[in-house]
Amino acid sequence: MIWKTVGKGLVAGLAGVAAMTLAEKLEQAFTRRPNSYVPAHTLERLLGLRRKPDRERLVLNHVMHWGQGAVGGVIRALMASRGVSGPFASFMFTGIRLSIDQTLENATGVGAPPWTWPRDEQIIDVLHKAVYAFTTGAVADRLVPQQTR
């Protein structure tokens, strides 16, 4: 049963990343904000890889971006399997998703604490992670049956 939940969580997480990526691209079309290579920088540090110019980091960026989202979806699927579901669970999961990013980025020395960011960047990041969390939650809640004892 746990492996089915893990698999469904990976699917839910990938759906969340797809929605978040679409939201990011739409936002960038309006704000002209450039792509972030923080995911690639973080993965480089985690794996001890040599640093490359950003134009050579696209694959690493996608691996980290999609990989974190897929793995995060497992957490949300496990929540759903235990009856922690619905919009409030997705709201809570937004904080979990933000924490995953910030823990990895700051532990590797790539990121800066969010309270040091410009306010508009904080808002954009929270909104994108909320899109991810609510999409992941909706898919997980639909795919994962609640376990009974």
C-alpha atoms as a PDB file:
ATOM      1  CA  MET A   1       0.000   0.000   0.000  1.00  0.00           C
ATOM      2  CA  ILE A   2       2.788   2.468   0.847  1.00  0.00           C
ATOM      3  CA  TRP A   3       4.458   2.060  -2.558  1.00  0.00           C
ATOM      4  CA  LYS A   4       1.192   2.841  -4.336  1.00  0.00           C
ATOM      5  CA  THR A   5       0.885   5.991  -2.250  1.00  0.00           C
ATOM      6  CA  VAL A   6       4.487   6.936  -3.061  1.00  0.00           C
ATOM      7  CA  GLY A   7       3.856   6.433  -6.781  1.00  0.00           C
ATOM      8  CA  LYS A   8       0.667   8.472  -6.693  1.00  0.00           C
ATOM      9  CA  GLY A   9       2.486  11.169  -4.723  1.00  0.00           C
ATOM     10  CA  LEU A  10       5.170  11.376  -7.412  1.00  0.00           C
ATOM     11  CA  VAL A  11       2.444  11.817 -10.034  1.00  0.00           C
ATOM     12  CA  ALA A  12       0.696  14.476  -7.930  1.00  0.00           C
ATOM     13  CA  GLY A  13       3.991  16.290  -7.369  1.00  0.00           C
ATOM     14  CA  LEU A  14       4.770  16.315 -11.092  1.00  0.00           C
ATOM     15  CA  ALA A  15       1.314  17.731 -11.802  1.00  0.00           C
ATOM     16  CA  GLY A  16       2.011  20.440  -9.219  1.00  0.00           C
ATOM     17  CA  VAL A  17       5.367  21.278 -10.810  1.00  0.00           C
ATOM     18  CA  ALA A  18       3.742  21.498 -14.245  1.00  0.00           C
ATOM     19  CA  ALA A  19       1.138  23.944 -12.909  1.00  0.00           C
ATOM     20  CA  MET A  20       3.775  25.960 -11.041  1.00  0.00           C
ATOM     21  CA  THR A  21       6.013  26.110 -14.117  1.00  0.00           C
ATOM     22  CA  LEU A  22       3.119  27.343 -16.249  1.00  0.00           C
ATOM     23  CA  ALA A  23       2.288  29.981 -13.620  1.00  0.00           C
ATOM     24  CA  GLU A  24       5.948  31.054 -13.521  1.00  0.00           C
ATOM     25  CA  LYS A  25       6.127  31.435 -17.293  1.00  0.00           C
ATOM     26  CA  LEU A  26       2.900  33.463 -17.338  1.00  0.00           C
ATOM     27  CA  GLU A  27       4.171  35.692 -14.521  1.00  0.00           C
ATOM     28  CA  GLN A  28       7.538  36.144 -16.269  1.00  0.00           C
ATOM     29  CA  ALA A  29       5.778  37.244 -19.462  1.00  0.00           C
ATOM     30  CA  PHE A  30       4.289  40.142 -17.494  1.00  0.00           C
ATOM     31  CA  THR A  31       7.080  40.993 -15.053  1.00  0.00           C
ATOM     32  CA  ARG A  32      10.030  40.266 -17.383  1.00  0.00           C
ATOM     33  CA  ARG A  33      11.670  38.489 -14.447  1.00  0.00           C
ATOM     34  CA  PRO A  34      14.486  36.241 -15.745  1.00  0.00           C
ATOM     35  CA  ASN A  35      14.674  32.497 -15.151  1.00  0.00           C
ATOM     36  CA  SER A  36      16.166  31.473 -11.831  1.00  0.00           C
ATOM     37  CA  TYR A  37      19.073  29.068 -11.770  1.00  0.00           C
ATOM     38  CA  VAL A  38      18.984  28.649  -7.995  1.00  0.00           C
ATOM     39  CA  PRO A  39      17.733  25.037  -8.343  1.00  0.00           C
ATOM     40  CA  ALA A  40      20.769  24.180 -10.503  1.00  0.00           C
ATOM     41  CA  HIS A  41      23.172  25.962  -8.149  1.00  0.00           C
ATOM     42  CA  THR A  42      21.674  24.056  -5.216  1.00  0.00           C
ATOM     43  CA  LEU A  43      21.967  20.678  -6.948  1.00  0.00           C
ATOM     44  CA  GLU A  44      25.555  21.449  -7.941  1.00  0.00           C
ATOM     45  CA  ARG A  45      26.418  22.095  -4.303  1.00  0.00           C
ATOM     46  CA  LEU A  46      24.554  19.009  -3.069  1.00  0.00           C
ATOM     47  CA  LEU A  47      26.374  16.778  -5.559  1.00  0.00           C
ATOM     48  CA  GLY A  48      29.739  18.528  -5.237  1.00  0.00           C
ATOM     49  CA  LEU A  49      29.837  19.365  -8.958  1.00  0.00           C
ATOM     50  CA  ARG A  50      32.050  22.046 -10.419  1.00  0.00           C
ATOM     51  CA  ARG A  51      30.328  25.347 -11.122  1.00  0.00           C
ATOM     52  CA  LYS A  52      29.242  26.127 -14.677  1.00  0.00           C
ATOM     53  CA  PRO A  53      27.846  29.204 -16.386  1.00  0.00           C
ATOM     54  CA  ASP A  54      24.049  29.432 -16.112  1.00  0.00           C
ATOM     55  CA  ARG A  55      23.584  28.780 -19.842  1.00  0.00           C
ATOM     56  CA  GLU A  56      25.065  25.294 -19.211  1.00  0.00           C
ATOM     57  CA  ARG A  57      22.851  24.569 -16.194  1.00  0.00           C
ATOM     58  CA  LEU A  58      19.480  24.018 -17.877  1.00  0.00           C
ATOM     59  CA  VAL A  59      19.448  20.232 -17.393  1.00  0.00           C
ATOM     60  CA  LEU A  60      20.499  20.516 -13.736  1.00  0.00           C
ATOM     61  CA  ASN A  61      17.865  23.203 -13.245  1.00  0.00           C
ATOM     62  CA  HIS A  62      15.112  20.953 -14.598  1.00  0.00           C
ATOM     63  CA  VAL A  63      16.311  17.905 -12.646  1.00  0.00           C
ATOM     64  CA  MET A  64      16.211  19.818  -9.358  1.00  0.00           C
ATOM     65  CA  HIS A  65      12.985  21.733 -10.137  1.00  0.00           C
ATOM     66  CA  TRP A  66      11.004  18.651 -11.222  1.00  0.00           C
ATOM     67  CA  GLY A  67      12.725  16.275  -8.777  1.00  0.00           C
ATOM     68  CA  GLN A  68      11.982  18.390  -5.710  1.00  0.00           C
ATOM     69  CA  GLY A  69       8.382  18.772  -6.795  1.00  0.00           C
ATOM     70  CA  ALA A  70       7.918  15.050  -7.424  1.00  0.00           C
ATOM     71  CA  VAL A  71       9.436  14.086  -4.077  1.00  0.00           C
ATOM     72  CA  GLY A  72       7.431  16.776  -2.286  1.00  0.00           C
ATOM     73  CA  GLY A  73       4.282  15.267  -3.773  1.00  0.00           C
ATOM     74  CA  VAL A  74       4.966  12.090  -1.796  1.00  0.00           C
ATOM     75  CA  ILE A  75       4.613  14.075   1.427  1.00  0.00           C
ATOM     76  CA  ARG A  76       1.239  15.422   0.297  1.00  0.00           C
ATOM     77  CA  ALA A  77       0.083  11.933  -0.770  1.00  0.00           C
ATOM     78  CA  LEU A  78       1.008  10.566   2.652  1.00  0.00           C
ATOM     79  CA  MET A  79      -0.976  13.395   4.227  1.00  0.00           C
ATOM     80  CA  ALA A  80      -3.991  12.473   2.079  1.00  0.00           C
ATOM     81  CA  SER A  81      -3.642   8.792   2.947  1.00  0.00           C
ATOM     82  CA  ARG A  82      -4.014   9.686   6.614  1.00  0.00           C
ATOM     83  CA  GLY A  83      -7.043  11.893   6.105  1.00  0.00           C
ATOM     84  CA  VAL A  84      -5.202  15.217   6.026  1.00  0.00           C
ATOM     85  CA  SER A  85      -6.752  16.471   2.819  1.00  0.00           C
ATOM     86  CA  GLY A  86      -8.655  19.297   1.217  1.00  0.00           C
ATOM     87  CA  PRO A  87      -7.831  22.989   0.854  1.00  0.00           C
ATOM     88  CA  PHE A  88      -6.574  23.466   4.412  1.00  0.00           C
ATOM     89  CA  ALA A  89      -4.139  20.563   3.990  1.00  0.00           C
ATOM     90  CA  SER A  90      -2.919  22.150   0.756  1.00  0.00           C
ATOM     91  CA  PHE A  91      -2.522  25.476   2.552  1.00  0.00           C
ATOM     92  CA  MET A  92      -0.350  23.734   5.178  1.00  0.00           C
ATOM     93  CA  PHE A  93       1.550  21.964   2.428  1.00  0.00           C
ATOM     94  CA  THR A  94       2.463  25.337   0.894  1.00  0.00           C
ATOM     95  CA  GLY A  95       4.603  25.986   3.972  1.00  0.00           C
ATOM     96  CA  ILE A  96       6.166  22.539   3.696  1.00  0.00           C
ATOM     97  CA  ARG A  97       7.084  23.156   0.054  1.00  0.00           C
ATOM     98  CA  LEU A  98       8.602  26.547   0.898  1.00  0.00           C
ATOM     99  CA  SER A  99      10.554  24.920   3.733  1.00  0.00           C
ATOM    100  CA  ILE A 100      11.989  22.254   1.424  1.00  0.00           C
ATOM    101  CA  ASP A 101      13.343  24.935  -0.916  1.00  0.00           C
ATOM    102  CA  GLN A 102      14.675  27.190   1.797  1.00  0.00           C
ATOM    103  CA  THR A 103      16.319  24.376   3.746  1.00  0.00           C
ATOM    104  CA  LEU A 104      18.213  23.075   0.727  1.00  0.00           C
ATOM    105  CA  GLU A 105      19.098  26.498  -0.670  1.00  0.00           C
ATOM    106  CA  ASN A 106      20.295  27.936   2.618  1.00  0.00           C
ATOM    107  CA  ALA A 107      22.050  24.775   3.849  1.00  0.00           C
ATOM    108  CA  THR A 108      24.119  24.755   0.651  1.00  0.00           C
ATOM    109  CA  GLY A 109      24.842  28.480   0.878  1.00  0.00           C
ATOM    110  CA  VAL A 110      23.109  29.173  -2.427  1.00  0.00           C
ATOM    111  CA  GLY A 111      20.098  31.068  -1.122  1.00  0.00           C
ATOM    112  CA  ALA A 112      19.462  33.880   1.277  1.00  0.00           C
ATOM    113  CA  PRO A 113      16.811  33.856   4.009  1.00  0.00           C
ATOM    114  CA  PRO A 114      13.476  34.973   2.507  1.00  0.00           C
ATOM    115  CA  TRP A 115      13.099  37.899   4.918  1.00  0.00           C
ATOM    116  CA  THR A 116      16.143  39.457   3.214  1.00  0.00           C
ATOM    117  CA  TRP A 117      14.486  39.324  -0.229  1.00  0.00           C
ATOM    118  CA  PRO A 118      12.606  42.217  -1.800  1.00  0.00           C
ATOM    119  CA  ARG A 119       8.914  42.016  -0.898  1.00  0.00           C
ATOM    120  CA  ASP A 120       7.770  41.439  -4.496  1.00  0.00           C
ATOM    121  CA  GLU A 121      10.085  38.397  -4.773  1.00  0.00           C
ATOM    122  CA  GLN A 122       8.677  36.992  -1.520  1.00  0.00           C
ATOM    123  CA  ILE A 123       5.122  37.361  -2.813  1.00  0.00           C
ATOM    124  CA  ILE A 124       5.952  35.795  -6.174  1.00  0.00           C
ATOM    125  CA  ASP A 125       7.681  32.816  -4.535  1.00  0.00           C
ATOM    126  CA  VAL A 126       4.822  32.166  -2.113  1.00  0.00           C
ATOM    127  CA  LEU A 127       2.229  32.426  -4.894  1.00  0.00           C
ATOM    128  CA  HIS A 128       4.115  29.990  -7.114  1.00  0.00           C
ATOM    129  CA  LYS A 129       4.563  27.516  -4.275  1.00  0.00           C
ATOM    130  CA  ALA A 130       0.844  27.850  -3.472  1.00  0.00           C
ATOM    131  CA  VAL A 131      -0.020  26.965  -7.079  1.00  0.00           C
ATOM    132  CA  TYR A 132       2.217  23.911  -6.715  1.00  0.00           C
ATOM    133  CA  ALA A 133       0.782  22.937  -3.320  1.00  0.00           C
ATOM    134  CA  PHE A 134      -2.891  23.293  -4.241  1.00  0.00           C
ATOM    135  CA  THR A 135      -2.466  21.470  -7.557  1.00  0.00           C
ATOM    136  CA  THR A 136      -0.455  18.697  -5.924  1.00  0.00           C
ATOM    137  CA  GLY A 137      -3.052  18.491  -3.159  1.00  0.00           C
ATOM    138  CA  ALA A 138      -6.001  18.288  -5.535  1.00  0.00           C
ATOM    139  CA  VAL A 139      -4.356  15.465  -7.488  1.00  0.00           C
ATOM    140  CA  ALA A 140      -3.196  13.609  -4.371  1.00  0.00           C
ATOM    141  CA  ASP A 141      -6.620  13.896  -2.734  1.00  0.00           C
ATOM    142  CA  ARG A 142      -8.193  12.443  -5.872  1.00  0.00           C
ATOM    143  CA  LEU A 143      -5.680   9.611  -6.371  1.00  0.00           C
ATOM    144  CA  VAL A 144      -4.948   8.493  -2.825  1.00  0.00           C
ATOM    145  CA  PRO A 145      -7.625   6.716  -0.813  1.00  0.00           C
ATOM    146  CA  GLN A 146      -7.732   7.479   2.887  1.00  0.00           C
ATOM    147  CA  GLN A 147      -6.426   4.542   4.890  1.00  0.00           C
ATOM    148  CA  THR A 148      -8.589   3.183   7.662  1.00  0.00           C
ATOM    149  CA  ARG A 149      -7.231   1.401  10.674  1.00  0.00           C
END
